Amino acid sequence: MNEILSVQKSNLTIKGYPLYSANDVSFWPRSEWLVDGIIQRRSSAVIFGESRIGKSFLALDLASKLASGDSWFGYPVKKCNVIYFPAESPLGLHQRLEAMRVHTGHQFPENLQFMRSSVDVSNSDDVTKVIATVSNSADVLFIDTFNAVASSSDENSSKEMGRVLNGVRRIIDETGCTVIFVHHCGWNEKDRMRGHSSFSAAMDTRIGVTRDSGHPAWRVRGQREGADTESHRYELRVIDLPDLKCSSCVVLPIDGSPARKVIPQPRTENQKTCLSVARELLSISQSQVKVDNLIDESTKLMNADIKHRRQRSKESVDALVKAGFINVDDKGYITLPN
């Protein structure tokens, strides 16, 4: 049960922020994958890469799969409501959608909708309008591109990017939707995003688009709650549209199975020690092992002074649980993922 603290100041009572117990935290929302292992609900993500590599085609393909519930590059997808906002240039959207319709032979589902407005996410009023638009209408909002909704801000300024990111955070927190940006990479650095590092750091999932053996390819290149992936190549196949007297492209995966995930490793020596102890306890135990037993046994081996060894052990085990190296059930028993 949360407790709100207050202080007396100049005859005014100022209410503090609510505090929660560990038991309260167990009832908070947990990670829910919309694209298994790639995109989470209530999160932020970015698809970034050099110009003309097919980022927008890839984003629109992902949007259509989220709306239909069809798998994306072999990854299971949870069907949801999607809004796609081609903020940079809406002029080519019709051709892209028509190419996808011609290629698949199917109409787009009603739960895929589109925006066409001028929005500045550093402006509080604009953010409020976006929240009103998205609330109860979408689980995922695509914004193509980031620069188009932050053009009044200096993307290299920490202060100005802070205002932009606060607006993004408001959208996520007040609507519960996932926001996915399309963004450009640095002018001379293909493996990092353009602008201040605070934007990259704020994203829960970062999907980099580069070239692999002559083809565009995407891979997760940093994820807060999941693993990175290896490269996933695709073809931008040209579709002729005689009725529109033009052509456009659709995304076709080249590799048939999900990209192999890069196996993560514990970040610190103490975490590695705790994981090793967990494996040993589970291999020799005749009964189930409780997380408290793991902390007790690991405490003896922690690289810390005697006074802080148990604290370091608990911190390391908690980090391993959060990162998915160790599972803990409702009764406090541990298991290791397959």
Protein backbone atom coordinates (compact mmCIF):
# COMPACT_ATOMS: atom_id res chain seq x y z
CA MET A 1 0.00 0.00 0.00
CA ASN A 2 1.49 3.33 -1.03
CA GLU A 3 2.20 6.11 1.40
CA ILE A 4 2.25 9.77 0.38
CA LEU A 5 4.71 11.87 2.37
CA SER A 6 4.14 15.57 3.03
CA VAL A 7 6.14 18.45 4.45
CA GLN A 8 5.14 21.78 5.93
CA LYS A 9 6.57 24.78 4.13
CA SER A 10 5.48 28.42 4.50
CA ASN A 11 2.08 27.36 5.87
CA LEU A 12 1.52 25.16 2.80
CA THR A 13 1.39 21.37 2.84
CA ILE A 14 3.35 19.96 -0.09
CA LYS A 15 2.52 16.39 -0.96
CA GLY A 16 5.44 14.22 -1.96
CA TYR A 17 5.53 11.38 -4.44
CA PRO A 18 3.93 8.04 -3.47
CA LEU A 19 6.21 5.29 -2.21
CA TYR A 20 5.65 1.55 -2.71
CA SER A 21 6.75 -1.62 -0.97
CA ALA A 22 8.40 -4.53 -2.77
CA ASN A 23 5.08 -6.36 -2.55
CA ASP A 24 3.33 -3.40 -4.24
CA VAL A 25 5.90 -3.50 -7.03
CA SER A 26 5.00 -7.14 -7.74
CA PHE A 27 1.60 -5.90 -8.95
CA TRP A 28 3.01 -3.27 -11.32
CA PRO A 29 2.61 -3.87 -15.07
CA ARG A 30 5.17 -6.33 -16.43
CA SER A 31 6.81 -6.70 -19.81
CA GLU A 32 4.39 -7.78 -22.52
CA TRP A 33 5.76 -8.46 -25.99
CA LEU A 34 3.84 -7.18 -29.01
CA VAL A 35 6.53 -8.59 -31.32
CA ASP A 36 8.09 -11.47 -29.43
CA GLY A 37 11.48 -10.45 -28.07
CA ILE A 38 11.55 -7.25 -30.16
CA ILE A 39 8.81 -4.71 -29.30
CA GLN A 40 7.11 -4.35 -25.90
CA ARG A 41 3.85 -2.72 -24.89
CA ARG A 42 4.14 0.70 -23.17
CA SER A 43 7.65 1.24 -24.50
CA SER A 44 9.67 3.37 -26.91
CA ALA A 45 11.55 2.11 -29.95
CA VAL A 46 13.46 3.52 -32.90
CA ILE A 47 14.29 2.21 -36.36
CA PHE A 48 17.38 4.08 -37.55
CA GLY A 49 19.79 4.00 -40.48
CA GLU A 50 21.18 5.95 -43.39
CA SER A 51 18.97 7.70 -45.95
CA ARG A 52 17.29 5.67 -48.69
CA ILE A 53 18.02 2.30 -47.10
CA GLY A 54 14.34 1.46 -46.65
CA LYS A 55 13.63 2.42 -43.03
CA SER A 56 10.14 3.74 -43.77
CA PHE A 57 9.24 0.66 -45.85
CA LEU A 58 10.38 -1.53 -42.95
CA ALA A 59 8.41 0.53 -40.40
CA LEU A 60 5.24 0.40 -42.52
CA ASP A 61 5.67 -3.35 -42.96
CA LEU A 62 5.98 -3.74 -39.18
CA ALA A 63 2.90 -1.55 -38.66
CA SER A 64 0.84 -3.70 -41.02
CA LYS A 65 1.93 -6.91 -39.26
CA LEU A 66 1.04 -5.49 -35.84
CA ALA A 67 -2.41 -4.58 -37.17
CA SER A 68 -3.01 -7.97 -38.81
CA GLY A 69 -1.33 -10.14 -36.19
CA ASP A 70 0.78 -11.91 -38.84
CA SER A 71 4.33 -12.82 -37.86
CA TRP A 72 7.12 -10.37 -38.70
CA PHE A 73 10.32 -11.94 -40.01
CA GLY A 74 9.25 -15.13 -38.25
CA TYR A 75 8.62 -13.47 -34.88
CA PRO A 76 5.14 -14.00 -33.37
CA VAL A 77 3.06 -10.82 -33.25
CA LYS A 78 0.18 -9.84 -30.96
CA LYS A 79 -2.58 -8.19 -33.00
CA CYS A 80 -3.23 -4.63 -31.86
CA ASN A 81 -4.49 -1.20 -32.93
CA VAL A 82 -1.94 0.88 -34.83
CA ILE A 83 -1.61 4.51 -35.90
CA TYR A 84 1.02 5.36 -38.52
CA PHE A 85 2.07 9.01 -38.76
CA PRO A 86 4.14 9.83 -41.89
CA ALA A 87 5.20 13.15 -40.42
CA GLU A 88 8.11 13.75 -42.79
CA SER A 89 6.23 13.26 -46.05
CA PRO A 90 2.70 11.85 -46.43
CA LEU A 91 2.77 12.26 -50.23
CA GLY A 92 4.16 8.81 -51.03
CA LEU A 93 2.07 6.88 -48.51
CA HIS A 94 -0.76 6.00 -50.90
CA GLN A 95 1.63 4.39 -53.39
CA ARG A 96 3.33 2.37 -50.66
CA LEU A 97 0.03 1.11 -49.30
CA GLU A 98 -1.22 0.29 -52.79
CA ALA A 99 1.96 -1.69 -53.52
CA MET A 100 1.44 -3.69 -50.32
CA ARG A 101 -2.23 -4.31 -51.20
CA VAL A 102 -1.37 -5.44 -54.74
CA HIS A 103 1.40 -7.72 -53.48
CA THR A 104 -0.64 -9.42 -50.74
CA GLY A 105 -4.03 -9.32 -52.47
CA HIS A 106 -5.63 -8.21 -49.18
CA GLN A 107 -7.17 -5.00 -47.95
CA PHE A 108 -5.69 -3.36 -44.87
CA PRO A 109 -7.42 -4.06 -41.54
CA GLU A 110 -9.56 -1.31 -40.01
CA ASN A 111 -7.33 -1.20 -36.93
CA LEU A 112 -4.49 0.35 -38.98
CA GLN A 113 -5.10 4.09 -39.17
CA PHE A 114 -3.09 7.10 -40.28
CA MET A 115 -2.42 10.68 -39.14
CA ARG A 116 -1.68 13.72 -41.24
CA SER A 117 -1.00 16.75 -39.06
CA SER A 118 1.71 19.14 -37.94
CA VAL A 119 3.02 18.05 -34.55
CA ASP A 120 5.83 19.29 -32.30
CA VAL A 121 6.45 16.89 -29.42
CA SER A 122 8.38 19.57 -27.52
CA ASN A 123 5.14 21.59 -27.37
CA SER A 124 2.90 20.66 -24.44
CA ASP A 125 -0.33 21.52 -26.30
CA ASP A 126 0.63 19.36 -29.27
CA VAL A 127 1.49 16.47 -26.96
CA THR A 128 -1.91 16.82 -25.29
CA LYS A 129 -3.57 16.58 -28.73
CA VAL A 130 -1.56 13.46 -29.57
CA ILE A 131 -2.62 11.92 -26.26
CA ALA A 132 -6.26 12.70 -27.01
CA THR A 133 -5.86 11.15 -30.48
CA VAL A 134 -4.11 7.99 -29.32
CA SER A 135 -6.07 7.31 -26.12
CA ASN A 136 -8.42 4.34 -26.58
CA SER A 137 -7.51 4.28 -30.30
CA ALA A 138 -4.06 2.74 -30.56
CA ASP A 139 -1.66 0.34 -28.86
CA VAL A 140 1.21 1.46 -31.11
CA LEU A 141 2.01 4.86 -32.62
CA PHE A 142 4.58 5.04 -35.44
CA ILE A 143 6.20 8.45 -36.04
CA ASP A 144 8.13 8.74 -39.31
CA THR A 145 10.44 10.59 -38.74
CA PHE A 146 11.64 11.81 -35.35
CA ASN A 147 13.12 14.98 -36.83
CA ALA A 148 9.77 15.90 -38.41
CA VAL A 149 8.09 16.13 -34.98
CA ALA A 150 11.08 17.81 -33.29
CA SER A 151 12.14 20.22 -36.03
CA SER A 152 11.87 23.26 -33.74
CA SER A 153 14.41 21.73 -31.34
CA ASP A 154 18.18 21.45 -31.61
CA GLU A 155 18.71 17.68 -31.78
CA ASN A 156 22.27 18.13 -30.43
CA SER A 157 21.12 20.01 -27.32
CA SER A 158 20.66 17.99 -24.15
CA LYS A 159 18.23 20.57 -22.75
CA GLU A 160 16.04 20.74 -25.84
CA MET A 161 16.06 16.97 -26.34
CA GLY A 162 14.99 16.69 -22.70
CA ARG A 163 11.79 18.61 -23.49
CA VAL A 164 11.14 16.42 -26.53
CA LEU A 165 11.69 13.20 -24.57
CA ASN A 166 9.44 14.42 -21.77
CA GLY A 167 6.70 14.81 -24.38
CA VAL A 168 7.31 11.27 -25.64
CA ARG A 169 7.23 9.93 -22.09
CA ARG A 170 3.90 11.70 -21.48
CA ILE A 171 2.37 10.01 -24.51
CA ILE A 172 3.49 6.57 -23.34
CA ASP A 173 2.56 7.06 -19.67
CA GLU A 174 -0.85 8.65 -20.28
CA THR A 175 -2.01 6.36 -23.08
CA GLY A 176 -0.18 3.08 -22.41
CA CYS A 177 0.81 2.85 -26.06
CA THR A 178 4.17 2.04 -27.62
CA VAL A 179 5.84 4.81 -29.64
CA ILE A 180 8.09 3.74 -32.52
CA PHE A 181 10.20 6.35 -34.31
CA VAL A 182 11.98 6.29 -37.65
CA HIS A 183 15.25 8.20 -37.38
CA HIS A 184 18.44 8.90 -39.32
CA CYS A 185 21.92 7.78 -38.34
CA GLY A 186 24.87 10.14 -37.84
CA TRP A 187 26.34 11.89 -40.84
CA ASN A 188 29.62 10.00 -40.63
CA GLU A 189 28.69 7.17 -38.25
CA LYS A 190 26.32 4.54 -39.64
CA ASP A 191 26.08 2.65 -36.34
CA ARG A 192 24.74 5.48 -34.18
CA MET A 193 21.76 7.81 -34.32
CA ARG A 194 21.99 11.42 -35.31
CA GLY A 195 21.71 13.99 -32.55
CA HIS A 196 22.24 13.99 -28.80
CA SER A 197 22.93 10.67 -27.09
CA SER A 198 20.01 11.21 -24.69
CA PHE A 199 17.57 10.21 -27.43
CA SER A 200 19.27 6.87 -28.04
CA ALA A 201 19.57 6.26 -24.29
CA ALA A 202 15.84 6.90 -23.79
CA MET A 203 14.75 4.27 -26.32
CA ASP A 204 13.78 0.88 -24.91
CA THR A 205 14.53 -0.85 -28.23
CA ARG A 206 16.96 0.29 -30.93
CA ILE A 207 16.70 -1.33 -34.36
CA GLY A 208 19.58 -0.47 -36.67
CA VAL A 209 19.22 -0.81 -40.46
CA THR A 210 22.43 -1.32 -42.45
CA ARG A 211 23.55 -3.34 -45.47
CA ASP A 212 24.46 -7.01 -45.29
CA SER A 213 25.85 -8.74 -48.40
CA GLY A 214 24.29 -6.09 -50.62
CA HIS A 215 20.84 -6.19 -49.00
CA PRO A 216 19.27 -3.92 -46.40
CA ALA A 217 19.12 -5.66 -43.03
CA TRP A 218 17.85 -4.86 -39.55
CA ARG A 219 18.96 -6.06 -36.15
CA VAL A 220 18.22 -5.09 -32.58
CA ARG A 221 21.27 -3.14 -31.45
CA GLY A 222 20.37 -2.36 -27.87
CA GLN A 223 17.35 -3.30 -25.80
CA ARG A 224 16.51 -2.46 -22.21
CA GLU A 225 14.63 -5.64 -21.30
CA GLY A 226 15.59 -8.15 -23.98
CA ALA A 227 18.44 -9.53 -26.06
CA ASP A 228 20.01 -8.13 -29.21
CA THR A 229 19.62 -10.07 -32.45
CA GLU A 230 21.84 -10.83 -35.37
CA SER A 231 21.24 -9.34 -38.82
CA HIS A 232 17.92 -9.96 -40.62
CA ARG A 233 18.11 -9.24 -44.36
CA TYR A 234 15.25 -8.20 -46.62
CA GLU A 235 14.56 -7.26 -50.21
CA LEU A 236 12.83 -4.09 -51.33
CA ARG A 237 10.88 -5.56 -54.23
CA VAL A 238 9.56 -3.09 -56.79
CA ILE A 239 5.82 -3.32 -57.50
CA ASP A 240 4.49 -1.66 -60.65
CA LEU A 241 1.27 0.31 -60.19
CA PRO A 242 -0.11 0.97 -63.73
CA ASP A 243 -3.30 2.65 -62.45
CA LEU A 244 -1.20 5.19 -60.57
CA LYS A 245 1.41 5.38 -63.34
CA CYS A 246 4.21 4.74 -60.87
CA SER A 247 5.81 2.02 -58.79
CA SER A 248 6.68 1.44 -55.15
CA CYS A 249 8.33 -1.21 -52.98
CA VAL A 250 7.36 -3.88 -50.49
CA VAL A 251 9.52 -5.60 -47.86
CA LEU A 252 10.28 -9.30 -48.43
CA PRO A 253 12.36 -11.18 -45.83
CA ILE A 254 15.30 -13.02 -47.35
CA ASP A 255 16.01 -15.22 -44.34
CA GLY A 256 13.11 -17.47 -43.45
CA SER A 257 13.62 -17.89 -39.70
CA PRO A 258 13.93 -15.43 -36.84
CA ALA A 259 17.39 -13.97 -36.43
CA ARG A 260 19.41 -15.85 -33.85
CA LYS A 261 19.51 -13.87 -30.66
CA VAL A 262 22.88 -12.92 -29.31
CA ILE A 263 23.25 -14.72 -26.00
CA PRO A 264 23.70 -12.04 -23.33
CA GLN A 265 26.17 -12.41 -20.46
CA PRO A 266 25.94 -11.17 -16.87
CA ARG A 267 27.37 -7.68 -16.60
CA THR A 268 29.51 -7.93 -13.46
CA GLU A 269 31.79 -10.51 -11.84
CA ASN A 270 29.45 -10.71 -8.86
CA GLN A 271 26.52 -11.48 -11.17
CA LYS A 272 28.56 -14.20 -12.88
CA THR A 273 29.37 -15.66 -9.47
CA CYS A 274 25.71 -15.69 -8.40
CA LEU A 275 24.65 -17.36 -11.65
CA SER A 276 27.33 -20.01 -11.22
CA VAL A 277 26.14 -20.65 -7.65
CA ALA A 278 22.54 -20.95 -8.88
CA ARG A 279 23.54 -23.57 -11.44
CA GLU A 280 25.49 -25.53 -8.86
CA LEU A 281 22.70 -25.43 -6.25
CA LEU A 282 20.12 -26.60 -8.78
CA SER A 283 22.36 -29.42 -10.00
CA ILE A 284 23.08 -30.88 -6.54
CA SER A 285 19.85 -30.07 -4.68
CA GLN A 286 17.41 -32.88 -3.97
CA SER A 287 14.61 -30.33 -3.61
CA GLN A 288 13.74 -26.90 -4.95
CA VAL A 289 16.03 -23.97 -4.22
CA LYS A 290 14.73 -20.72 -2.76
CA VAL A 291 16.06 -17.37 -3.90
CA ASP A 292 17.06 -16.57 -0.29
CA ASN A 293 19.24 -19.71 -0.25
CA LEU A 294 20.94 -18.52 -3.43
CA ILE A 295 21.61 -15.11 -1.87
CA ASP A 296 23.00 -16.73 1.30
CA GLU A 297 25.36 -19.04 -0.58
CA SER A 298 26.49 -16.32 -2.99
CA THR A 299 27.20 -13.91 -0.12
CA LYS A 300 30.24 -15.99 0.87
CA LEU A 301 31.82 -15.41 -2.55
CA MET A 302 31.05 -11.76 -3.18
CA ASN A 303 33.83 -9.38 -4.13
CA ALA A 304 33.07 -6.82 -1.40
CA ASP A 305 33.92 -6.05 2.21
CA ILE A 306 32.25 -8.28 4.79
CA LYS A 307 29.75 -5.60 5.79
CA HIS A 308 28.32 -5.27 2.27
CA ARG A 309 28.63 -8.81 0.91
CA ARG A 310 25.00 -9.82 1.44
CA GLN A 311 23.80 -6.53 -0.03
CA ARG A 312 25.97 -7.07 -3.11
CA SER A 313 24.73 -10.65 -3.37
CA LYS A 314 21.09 -9.54 -3.27
CA GLU A 315 21.72 -6.75 -5.80
CA SER A 316 23.41 -9.19 -8.17
CA VAL A 317 20.65 -11.80 -7.89
CA ASP A 318 17.97 -9.12 -8.42
CA ALA A 319 19.82 -7.96 -11.54
CA LEU A 320 20.01 -11.52 -12.86
CA VAL A 321 16.26 -11.98 -12.31
CA LYS A 322 15.46 -8.70 -14.05
CA ALA A 323 17.66 -9.61 -17.01
CA GLY A 324 16.04 -13.04 -17.36
CA PHE A 325 19.04 -15.18 -16.32
CA ILE A 326 17.09 -16.56 -13.34
CA ASN A 327 13.35 -17.09 -12.90
CA VAL A 328 11.65 -16.78 -9.50
CA ASP A 329 8.11 -18.12 -9.01
CA ASP A 330 5.42 -16.80 -6.66
CA LYS A 331 6.74 -18.98 -3.81
CA GLY A 332 10.30 -17.74 -4.17
CA TYR A 333 11.76 -20.84 -5.86
CA ILE A 334 14.32 -20.33 -8.60
CA THR A 335 14.68 -21.97 -12.01
CA LEU A 336 16.94 -21.30 -14.97
CA PRO A 337 15.46 -20.56 -18.40
CA ASN A 338 15.84 -23.24 -21.06
